[in-house]
Amino acid sequence: MGRCEACGNDYDKSFQVLMAAKHHDFDSFECAIHDLATRCVHCHCRFIGHGIEHEDAIFCCAHCAAEAGVTGIVDRA
């Protein structure tokens, strides 16, 4: 099938992800997340999910947003 963009593995069960009009080939969700998931602008971790958006920045959690000076955001408990 396709060679994984992240690790280079040539795998018969690979899959494609279409993101921003570009096709990407991966052999696992782990590799897809490694290459495509959003990166927090504060701690730089990759995260899946919605995150917290403030103006043009996306954070992984309310703590990182607060550390970057964003006010009025709390994590749900």
N, C-alpha and C. Protein backbone atom coordinates (compact mmCIF):
# COMPACT_ATOMS: atom_id res chain seq x y z
N MET A 1 0.83 -1.19 0.00
CA MET A 1 0.00 0.00 0.00
C MET A 1 0.88 1.25 0.00
N GLY A 2 1.05 1.87 1.17
CA GLY A 2 1.81 3.11 1.22
C GLY A 2 2.87 3.09 2.29
N ARG A 3 3.86 3.92 2.09
CA ARG A 3 4.95 4.06 3.06
C ARG A 3 4.57 5.15 4.05
N CYS A 4 4.74 4.87 5.34
CA CYS A 4 4.38 5.81 6.38
C CYS A 4 5.29 7.04 6.33
N GLU A 5 4.67 8.21 6.34
CA GLU A 5 5.44 9.46 6.32
C GLU A 5 6.24 9.68 7.59
N ALA A 6 5.75 9.15 8.71
CA ALA A 6 6.41 9.40 10.00
C ALA A 6 7.58 8.46 10.24
N CYS A 7 7.37 7.15 10.01
CA CYS A 7 8.41 6.19 10.37
C CYS A 7 9.04 5.46 9.18
N GLY A 8 8.45 5.60 8.01
CA GLY A 8 9.00 4.97 6.82
C GLY A 8 8.59 3.53 6.60
N ASN A 9 7.77 2.98 7.48
CA ASN A 9 7.35 1.59 7.36
C ASN A 9 6.46 1.41 6.12
N ASP A 10 6.75 0.36 5.34
CA ASP A 10 5.92 0.01 4.19
C ASP A 10 4.96 -1.07 4.66
N TYR A 11 3.69 -0.72 4.85
CA TYR A 11 2.74 -1.57 5.56
C TYR A 11 1.52 -1.83 4.69
N ASP A 12 1.06 -3.07 4.66
CA ASP A 12 -0.08 -3.42 3.81
C ASP A 12 -1.41 -2.90 4.35
N LYS A 13 -1.45 -2.41 5.55
CA LYS A 13 -2.68 -1.86 6.13
C LYS A 13 -2.56 -0.35 6.39
N SER A 14 -1.74 0.31 5.61
CA SER A 14 -1.58 1.75 5.77
C SER A 14 -2.88 2.46 5.37
N PHE A 15 -2.98 3.73 5.71
CA PHE A 15 -4.17 4.52 5.39
C PHE A 15 -3.75 5.94 5.06
N GLN A 16 -4.67 6.66 4.45
CA GLN A 16 -4.41 8.06 4.10
C GLN A 16 -5.28 8.98 4.94
N VAL A 17 -4.71 10.13 5.25
CA VAL A 17 -5.45 11.20 5.92
C VAL A 17 -5.42 12.40 4.98
N LEU A 18 -6.57 12.99 4.74
CA LEU A 18 -6.65 14.21 3.95
C LEU A 18 -6.79 15.38 4.91
N MET A 19 -5.80 16.27 4.89
CA MET A 19 -5.80 17.41 5.81
C MET A 19 -5.34 18.64 5.03
N ALA A 20 -6.15 19.66 5.06
CA ALA A 20 -5.84 20.92 4.36
C ALA A 20 -5.51 20.64 2.89
N ALA A 21 -6.33 19.80 2.27
CA ALA A 21 -6.23 19.47 0.84
C ALA A 21 -4.94 18.72 0.47
N LYS A 22 -4.28 18.11 1.46
CA LYS A 22 -3.08 17.33 1.19
C LYS A 22 -3.26 15.93 1.76
N HIS A 23 -2.87 14.92 0.98
CA HIS A 23 -2.95 13.52 1.43
C HIS A 23 -1.68 13.13 2.18
N HIS A 24 -1.85 12.41 3.28
CA HIS A 24 -0.75 11.91 4.09
C HIS A 24 -0.92 10.41 4.27
N ASP A 25 0.15 9.64 4.16
CA ASP A 25 0.12 8.19 4.34
C ASP A 25 0.75 7.80 5.67
N PHE A 26 0.04 6.93 6.42
CA PHE A 26 0.52 6.47 7.72
C PHE A 26 0.24 4.99 7.90
N ASP A 27 1.03 4.37 8.77
CA ASP A 27 0.81 2.95 9.09
C ASP A 27 0.10 2.77 10.42
N SER A 28 -0.07 3.86 11.19
CA SER A 28 -0.74 3.75 12.49
C SER A 28 -1.26 5.13 12.89
N PHE A 29 -2.25 5.11 13.79
CA PHE A 29 -2.75 6.38 14.32
C PHE A 29 -1.66 7.08 15.13
N GLU A 30 -0.81 6.31 15.77
CA GLU A 30 0.29 6.88 16.53
C GLU A 30 1.16 7.78 15.64
N CYS A 31 1.51 7.28 14.46
CA CYS A 31 2.33 8.08 13.54
C CYS A 31 1.56 9.28 13.01
N ALA A 32 0.28 9.10 12.72
CA ALA A 32 -0.53 10.22 12.23
C ALA A 32 -0.60 11.32 13.29
N ILE A 33 -0.82 10.94 14.53
CA ILE A 33 -0.87 11.93 15.62
C ILE A 33 0.48 12.62 15.76
N HIS A 34 1.55 11.86 15.70
CA HIS A 34 2.90 12.42 15.83
C HIS A 34 3.13 13.51 14.78
N ASP A 35 2.68 13.27 13.55
CA ASP A 35 2.93 14.23 12.48
C ASP A 35 1.87 15.33 12.35
N LEU A 36 0.61 15.03 12.65
CA LEU A 36 -0.46 15.96 12.30
C LEU A 36 -1.17 16.64 13.47
N ALA A 37 -1.07 16.09 14.65
CA ALA A 37 -1.83 16.66 15.77
C ALA A 37 -1.36 18.08 16.09
N THR A 38 -2.29 18.85 16.60
CA THR A 38 -1.99 20.23 16.99
C THR A 38 -0.97 20.24 18.11
N ARG A 39 -0.11 21.23 18.10
CA ARG A 39 0.91 21.40 19.14
C ARG A 39 0.53 22.59 20.01
N CYS A 40 0.54 22.41 21.32
CA CYS A 40 0.24 23.48 22.26
C CYS A 40 1.29 24.59 22.12
N VAL A 41 0.82 25.84 22.05
CA VAL A 41 1.77 26.95 21.90
C VAL A 41 2.55 27.24 23.17
N HIS A 42 2.10 26.70 24.32
CA HIS A 42 2.82 26.92 25.57
C HIS A 42 3.81 25.79 25.88
N CYS A 43 3.30 24.55 26.01
CA CYS A 43 4.18 23.44 26.42
C CYS A 43 4.69 22.63 25.23
N HIS A 44 4.15 22.88 24.05
CA HIS A 44 4.58 22.25 22.79
C HIS A 44 4.24 20.77 22.67
N CYS A 45 3.41 20.25 23.58
CA CYS A 45 3.01 18.85 23.44
C CYS A 45 2.01 18.72 22.30
N ARG A 46 1.97 17.55 21.69
CA ARG A 46 0.95 17.25 20.68
C ARG A 46 -0.29 16.78 21.43
N PHE A 47 -1.46 17.22 20.97
CA PHE A 47 -2.68 16.76 21.62
C PHE A 47 -3.76 16.48 20.59
N ILE A 48 -4.63 15.55 20.96
CA ILE A 48 -5.79 15.27 20.14
C ILE A 48 -7.00 15.78 20.89
N GLY A 49 -7.96 16.23 20.19
CA GLY A 49 -9.12 16.85 20.82
C GLY A 49 -9.20 18.31 20.42
N HIS A 50 -10.08 19.02 21.09
CA HIS A 50 -10.35 20.40 20.69
C HIS A 50 -9.34 21.40 21.24
N GLY A 51 -8.80 21.16 22.39
CA GLY A 51 -7.90 22.13 22.99
C GLY A 51 -8.64 23.39 23.39
N ILE A 52 -7.90 24.42 23.70
CA ILE A 52 -8.46 25.71 24.10
C ILE A 52 -7.89 26.76 23.16
N GLU A 53 -8.78 27.46 22.48
CA GLU A 53 -8.36 28.48 21.53
C GLU A 53 -8.55 29.87 22.13
N HIS A 54 -7.55 30.70 21.92
CA HIS A 54 -7.63 32.10 22.33
C HIS A 54 -6.92 32.91 21.26
N GLU A 55 -7.70 33.78 20.61
CA GLU A 55 -7.20 34.55 19.47
C GLU A 55 -6.59 33.59 18.46
N ASP A 56 -5.32 33.70 18.13
CA ASP A 56 -4.71 32.81 17.14
C ASP A 56 -3.95 31.65 17.77
N ALA A 57 -4.02 31.50 19.08
CA ALA A 57 -3.26 30.46 19.79
C ALA A 57 -4.17 29.30 20.17
N ILE A 58 -3.59 28.09 20.15
CA ILE A 58 -4.31 26.89 20.61
C ILE A 58 -3.47 26.23 21.70
N PHE A 59 -4.13 25.98 22.84
CA PHE A 59 -3.47 25.38 24.00
C PHE A 59 -4.06 24.00 24.25
N CYS A 60 -3.29 23.13 24.90
CA CYS A 60 -3.78 21.79 25.21
C CYS A 60 -4.71 21.79 26.42
N CYS A 61 -4.60 22.79 27.30
CA CYS A 61 -5.42 22.81 28.51
C CYS A 61 -5.49 24.24 29.07
N ALA A 62 -6.38 24.43 30.04
CA ALA A 62 -6.55 25.74 30.66
C ALA A 62 -5.29 26.16 31.41
N HIS A 63 -4.57 25.21 31.99
CA HIS A 63 -3.33 25.55 32.71
C HIS A 63 -2.33 26.22 31.77
N CYS A 64 -2.12 25.64 30.60
CA CYS A 64 -1.17 26.23 29.65
C CYS A 64 -1.66 27.60 29.16
N ALA A 65 -2.97 27.72 28.95
CA ALA A 65 -3.51 29.02 28.55
C ALA A 65 -3.24 30.06 29.63
N ALA A 66 -3.49 29.70 30.89
CA ALA A 66 -3.26 30.62 32.01
C ALA A 66 -1.78 30.98 32.12
N GLU A 67 -0.90 29.99 31.93
CA GLU A 67 0.55 30.25 32.00
C GLU A 67 0.97 31.22 30.90
N ALA A 68 0.24 31.25 29.81
CA ALA A 68 0.55 32.16 28.70
C ALA A 68 -0.17 33.51 28.85
N GLY A 69 -0.90 33.70 29.97
CA GLY A 69 -1.53 34.96 30.25
C GLY A 69 -3.00 35.08 29.90
N VAL A 70 -3.61 33.99 29.43
CA VAL A 70 -5.03 34.01 29.12
C VAL A 70 -5.82 33.92 30.42
N THR A 71 -6.82 34.74 30.58
CA THR A 71 -7.62 34.72 31.80
C THR A 71 -9.05 34.26 31.50
N GLY A 72 -9.72 33.79 32.55
CA GLY A 72 -11.12 33.42 32.43
C GLY A 72 -11.39 32.05 31.85
N ILE A 73 -10.39 31.21 31.75
CA ILE A 73 -10.56 29.85 31.21
C ILE A 73 -10.24 28.86 32.31
N VAL A 74 -11.11 27.88 32.49
CA VAL A 74 -10.86 26.82 33.49
C VAL A 74 -11.10 25.47 32.85
N ASP A 75 -10.36 24.46 33.32
CA ASP A 75 -10.59 23.09 32.89
C ASP A 75 -11.85 22.57 33.57
N ARG A 76 -12.54 21.70 32.89
CA ARG A 76 -13.70 21.04 33.50
C ARG A 76 -13.21 19.92 34.39
N ALA A 77 -13.82 19.80 35.56
CA ALA A 77 -13.40 18.76 36.49
C ALA A 77 -14.28 17.55 36.38
